[in-house]
Amino acid sequence: MKVTVCIGSSCHIKGSHRVVEALQKLIAENKVGDKVTLAGTFCMGNCQQGVCVTVDEQFHSVSPETVEEFFAKEILAKV
C-alpha cells in the first residue's frame, strides 16, 4: 500500500508536517511498515481540500485532528 502526503505550501500551512509525523508513528506502533510505504509529494491540485493524502491513488482530505481516524479506517483496516 502506498500512502502519499502532499507537502506543498498550502497543505504545509494546513498541517501536513504533523500528518506525516502522526502517520510515521502510527505505522511504527502498528508494525505495518513492511506493508505501507509513506511518501511525500508536492501539489496534488486540491489545495482547498488539504491536507491532501492518497492511499493507492485514492484521494482523501486529512487534518492533524483526523489523522488517527483516517489511519484506522483507510490504512490499518486494509492491510
N, C-alpha and C. Protein backbone atom coordinates (compact mmCIF):
# COMPACT_ATOMS: atom_id res chain seq x y z
N MET A 1 0.84 -1.17 0.00
CA MET A 1 0.00 0.00 0.00
C MET A 1 0.89 1.24 0.00
N LYS A 2 0.60 2.17 -0.89
CA LYS A 2 1.36 3.41 -0.94
C LYS A 2 0.51 4.58 -0.45
N VAL A 3 1.01 5.27 0.56
CA VAL A 3 0.34 6.44 1.13
C VAL A 3 1.20 7.65 0.82
N THR A 4 0.61 8.62 0.12
CA THR A 4 1.35 9.81 -0.29
C THR A 4 0.70 11.04 0.32
N VAL A 5 1.51 11.88 0.97
CA VAL A 5 1.03 13.09 1.61
C VAL A 5 1.58 14.30 0.88
N CYS A 6 0.71 15.24 0.56
CA CYS A 6 1.15 16.49 -0.07
C CYS A 6 1.90 17.33 0.95
N ILE A 7 3.07 17.81 0.54
CA ILE A 7 3.85 18.69 1.41
C ILE A 7 4.05 20.05 0.75
N GLY A 8 3.18 20.35 -0.22
CA GLY A 8 3.22 21.66 -0.88
C GLY A 8 2.84 22.76 0.10
N SER A 9 2.99 24.00 -0.32
CA SER A 9 2.83 25.13 0.60
C SER A 9 1.44 25.21 1.24
N SER A 10 0.38 25.00 0.49
CA SER A 10 -0.97 25.09 1.05
C SER A 10 -1.20 23.99 2.09
N CYS A 11 -0.84 22.77 1.76
CA CYS A 11 -1.00 21.67 2.70
C CYS A 11 -0.06 21.80 3.89
N HIS A 12 1.13 22.34 3.65
CA HIS A 12 2.07 22.57 4.75
C HIS A 12 1.44 23.51 5.78
N ILE A 13 0.82 24.57 5.31
CA ILE A 13 0.17 25.53 6.20
C ILE A 13 -0.97 24.86 6.98
N LYS A 14 -1.62 23.89 6.36
CA LYS A 14 -2.75 23.21 6.99
C LYS A 14 -2.32 22.04 7.88
N GLY A 15 -1.01 21.79 8.00
CA GLY A 15 -0.52 20.80 8.96
C GLY A 15 0.02 19.51 8.38
N SER A 16 0.46 19.53 7.12
CA SER A 16 0.95 18.27 6.52
C SER A 16 2.13 17.68 7.29
N HIS A 17 2.98 18.52 7.86
CA HIS A 17 4.12 18.01 8.63
C HIS A 17 3.64 17.19 9.82
N ARG A 18 2.61 17.67 10.50
CA ARG A 18 2.06 16.93 11.65
C ARG A 18 1.36 15.65 11.19
N VAL A 19 0.71 15.68 10.03
CA VAL A 19 0.07 14.49 9.48
C VAL A 19 1.14 13.43 9.17
N VAL A 20 2.23 13.84 8.53
CA VAL A 20 3.32 12.91 8.22
C VAL A 20 3.89 12.31 9.50
N GLU A 21 4.17 13.13 10.49
CA GLU A 21 4.72 12.63 11.76
C GLU A 21 3.77 11.63 12.42
N ALA A 22 2.48 11.95 12.41
CA ALA A 22 1.49 11.06 13.03
C ALA A 22 1.43 9.74 12.27
N LEU A 23 1.44 9.79 10.94
CA LEU A 23 1.39 8.56 10.15
C LEU A 23 2.64 7.71 10.38
N GLN A 24 3.80 8.35 10.46
CA GLN A 24 5.03 7.60 10.74
C GLN A 24 4.92 6.87 12.08
N LYS A 25 4.41 7.56 13.08
CA LYS A 25 4.26 7.00 14.41
C LYS A 25 3.25 5.84 14.40
N LEU A 26 2.11 6.04 13.75
CA LEU A 26 1.07 5.01 13.71
C LEU A 26 1.52 3.78 12.93
N ILE A 27 2.24 3.99 11.85
CA ILE A 27 2.77 2.87 11.07
C ILE A 27 3.74 2.05 11.93
N ALA A 28 4.61 2.72 12.67
CA ALA A 28 5.57 2.03 13.53
C ALA A 28 4.87 1.31 14.69
N GLU A 29 3.94 2.00 15.35
CA GLU A 29 3.24 1.42 16.50
C GLU A 29 2.45 0.18 16.12
N ASN A 30 1.89 0.19 14.92
CA ASN A 30 1.06 -0.92 14.47
C ASN A 30 1.84 -1.97 13.67
N LYS A 31 3.15 -1.75 13.57
CA LYS A 31 4.06 -2.68 12.91
C LYS A 31 3.61 -3.07 11.50
N VAL A 32 3.23 -2.04 10.71
CA VAL A 32 2.81 -2.28 9.32
C VAL A 32 3.76 -1.65 8.32
N GLY A 33 4.96 -1.33 8.77
CA GLY A 33 5.95 -0.70 7.90
C GLY A 33 6.35 -1.56 6.71
N ASP A 34 6.20 -2.86 6.84
CA ASP A 34 6.52 -3.75 5.72
C ASP A 34 5.40 -3.79 4.68
N LYS A 35 4.22 -3.26 5.04
CA LYS A 35 3.07 -3.28 4.13
C LYS A 35 2.68 -1.89 3.64
N VAL A 36 3.19 -0.85 4.29
CA VAL A 36 2.80 0.52 3.96
C VAL A 36 4.03 1.34 3.61
N THR A 37 4.00 1.97 2.45
CA THR A 37 5.07 2.88 2.04
C THR A 37 4.54 4.30 2.15
N LEU A 38 5.20 5.12 2.95
CA LEU A 38 4.80 6.51 3.15
C LEU A 38 5.71 7.40 2.31
N ALA A 39 5.09 8.27 1.51
CA ALA A 39 5.85 9.14 0.63
C ALA A 39 5.28 10.55 0.69
N GLY A 40 6.06 11.49 0.20
CA GLY A 40 5.62 12.88 0.11
C GLY A 40 5.66 13.33 -1.33
N THR A 41 4.84 14.32 -1.64
CA THR A 41 4.82 14.89 -2.98
C THR A 41 4.43 16.36 -2.86
N PHE A 42 4.69 17.07 -3.93
CA PHE A 42 4.23 18.46 -3.95
C PHE A 42 2.84 18.51 -4.54
N CYS A 43 2.29 19.65 -4.75
CA CYS A 43 0.88 19.90 -5.03
C CYS A 43 0.16 18.80 -5.81
N MET A 44 -0.98 18.39 -5.25
CA MET A 44 -1.85 17.40 -5.88
C MET A 44 -3.01 18.06 -6.62
N GLY A 45 -3.08 19.39 -6.55
CA GLY A 45 -4.11 20.12 -7.26
C GLY A 45 -5.43 20.27 -6.55
N ASN A 46 -5.48 19.88 -5.29
CA ASN A 46 -6.71 20.01 -4.49
C ASN A 46 -6.44 20.86 -3.26
N CYS A 47 -5.77 21.98 -3.46
CA CYS A 47 -5.27 22.79 -2.35
C CYS A 47 -6.36 23.18 -1.35
N GLN A 48 -7.55 23.49 -1.83
CA GLN A 48 -8.61 23.91 -0.93
C GLN A 48 -9.09 22.78 -0.03
N GLN A 49 -8.77 21.53 -0.37
CA GLN A 49 -9.22 20.38 0.42
C GLN A 49 -8.12 19.81 1.31
N GLY A 50 -6.94 20.40 1.31
CA GLY A 50 -5.79 19.86 2.02
C GLY A 50 -6.03 19.64 3.49
N VAL A 51 -5.22 18.87 4.13
CA VAL A 51 -4.01 18.18 3.71
C VAL A 51 -4.42 17.02 2.79
N CYS A 52 -3.86 17.01 1.59
CA CYS A 52 -4.19 16.00 0.59
C CYS A 52 -3.35 14.74 0.81
N VAL A 53 -4.05 13.61 0.87
CA VAL A 53 -3.39 12.32 1.06
C VAL A 53 -4.01 11.33 0.08
N THR A 54 -3.18 10.53 -0.58
CA THR A 54 -3.71 9.45 -1.39
C THR A 54 -3.28 8.12 -0.80
N VAL A 55 -4.18 7.16 -0.88
CA VAL A 55 -3.91 5.78 -0.50
C VAL A 55 -4.12 4.96 -1.76
N ASP A 56 -3.04 4.45 -2.32
CA ASP A 56 -3.10 3.74 -3.59
C ASP A 56 -3.92 4.52 -4.62
N GLU A 57 -3.58 5.80 -4.76
CA GLU A 57 -4.16 6.72 -5.75
C GLU A 57 -5.56 7.22 -5.41
N GLN A 58 -6.16 6.79 -4.30
CA GLN A 58 -7.47 7.29 -3.90
C GLN A 58 -7.30 8.49 -2.99
N PHE A 59 -7.95 9.62 -3.35
CA PHE A 59 -7.76 10.88 -2.65
C PHE A 59 -8.54 10.93 -1.33
N HIS A 60 -7.88 11.56 -0.34
CA HIS A 60 -8.52 11.81 0.97
C HIS A 60 -8.07 13.18 1.46
N SER A 61 -8.93 13.83 2.20
CA SER A 61 -8.59 15.07 2.88
C SER A 61 -8.41 14.76 4.36
N VAL A 62 -7.22 15.03 4.88
CA VAL A 62 -6.88 14.66 6.25
C VAL A 62 -6.37 15.89 6.97
N SER A 63 -6.63 15.96 8.26
CA SER A 63 -6.07 17.04 9.07
C SER A 63 -5.33 16.41 10.25
N PRO A 64 -4.52 17.20 10.95
CA PRO A 64 -3.85 16.63 12.12
C PRO A 64 -4.86 16.08 13.14
N GLU A 65 -6.06 16.65 13.16
CA GLU A 65 -7.08 16.21 14.11
C GLU A 65 -7.77 14.92 13.68
N THR A 66 -7.77 14.60 12.39
CA THR A 66 -8.48 13.42 11.89
C THR A 66 -7.54 12.29 11.47
N VAL A 67 -6.24 12.48 11.63
CA VAL A 67 -5.28 11.51 11.08
C VAL A 67 -5.40 10.14 11.74
N GLU A 68 -5.68 10.05 13.02
CA GLU A 68 -5.78 8.74 13.66
C GLU A 68 -7.00 7.97 13.15
N GLU A 69 -8.14 8.64 13.00
CA GLU A 69 -9.33 8.00 12.46
C GLU A 69 -9.10 7.57 11.01
N PHE A 70 -8.46 8.44 10.23
CA PHE A 70 -8.12 8.13 8.85
C PHE A 70 -7.24 6.89 8.77
N PHE A 71 -6.20 6.83 9.62
CA PHE A 71 -5.29 5.69 9.62
C PHE A 71 -6.04 4.39 9.92
N ALA A 72 -6.87 4.42 10.93
CA ALA A 72 -7.61 3.20 11.32
C ALA A 72 -8.53 2.73 10.21
N LYS A 73 -9.23 3.65 9.57
CA LYS A 73 -10.24 3.30 8.57
C LYS A 73 -9.66 3.00 7.19
N GLU A 74 -8.71 3.81 6.75
CA GLU A 74 -8.24 3.72 5.37
C GLU A 74 -6.93 2.96 5.19
N ILE A 75 -6.19 2.77 6.28
CA ILE A 75 -4.90 2.09 6.15
C ILE A 75 -4.92 0.78 6.96
N LEU A 76 -5.04 0.89 8.26
CA LEU A 76 -4.94 -0.30 9.11
C LEU A 76 -6.00 -1.36 8.76
N ALA A 77 -7.21 -0.93 8.47
CA ALA A 77 -8.29 -1.88 8.15
C ALA A 77 -8.06 -2.59 6.82
N LYS A 78 -7.17 -2.05 5.98
CA LYS A 78 -6.99 -2.58 4.63
C LYS A 78 -5.66 -3.29 4.40
N VAL A 79 -4.80 -3.35 5.41
CA VAL A 79 -3.52 -4.04 5.22
C VAL A 79 -3.56 -5.44 5.81
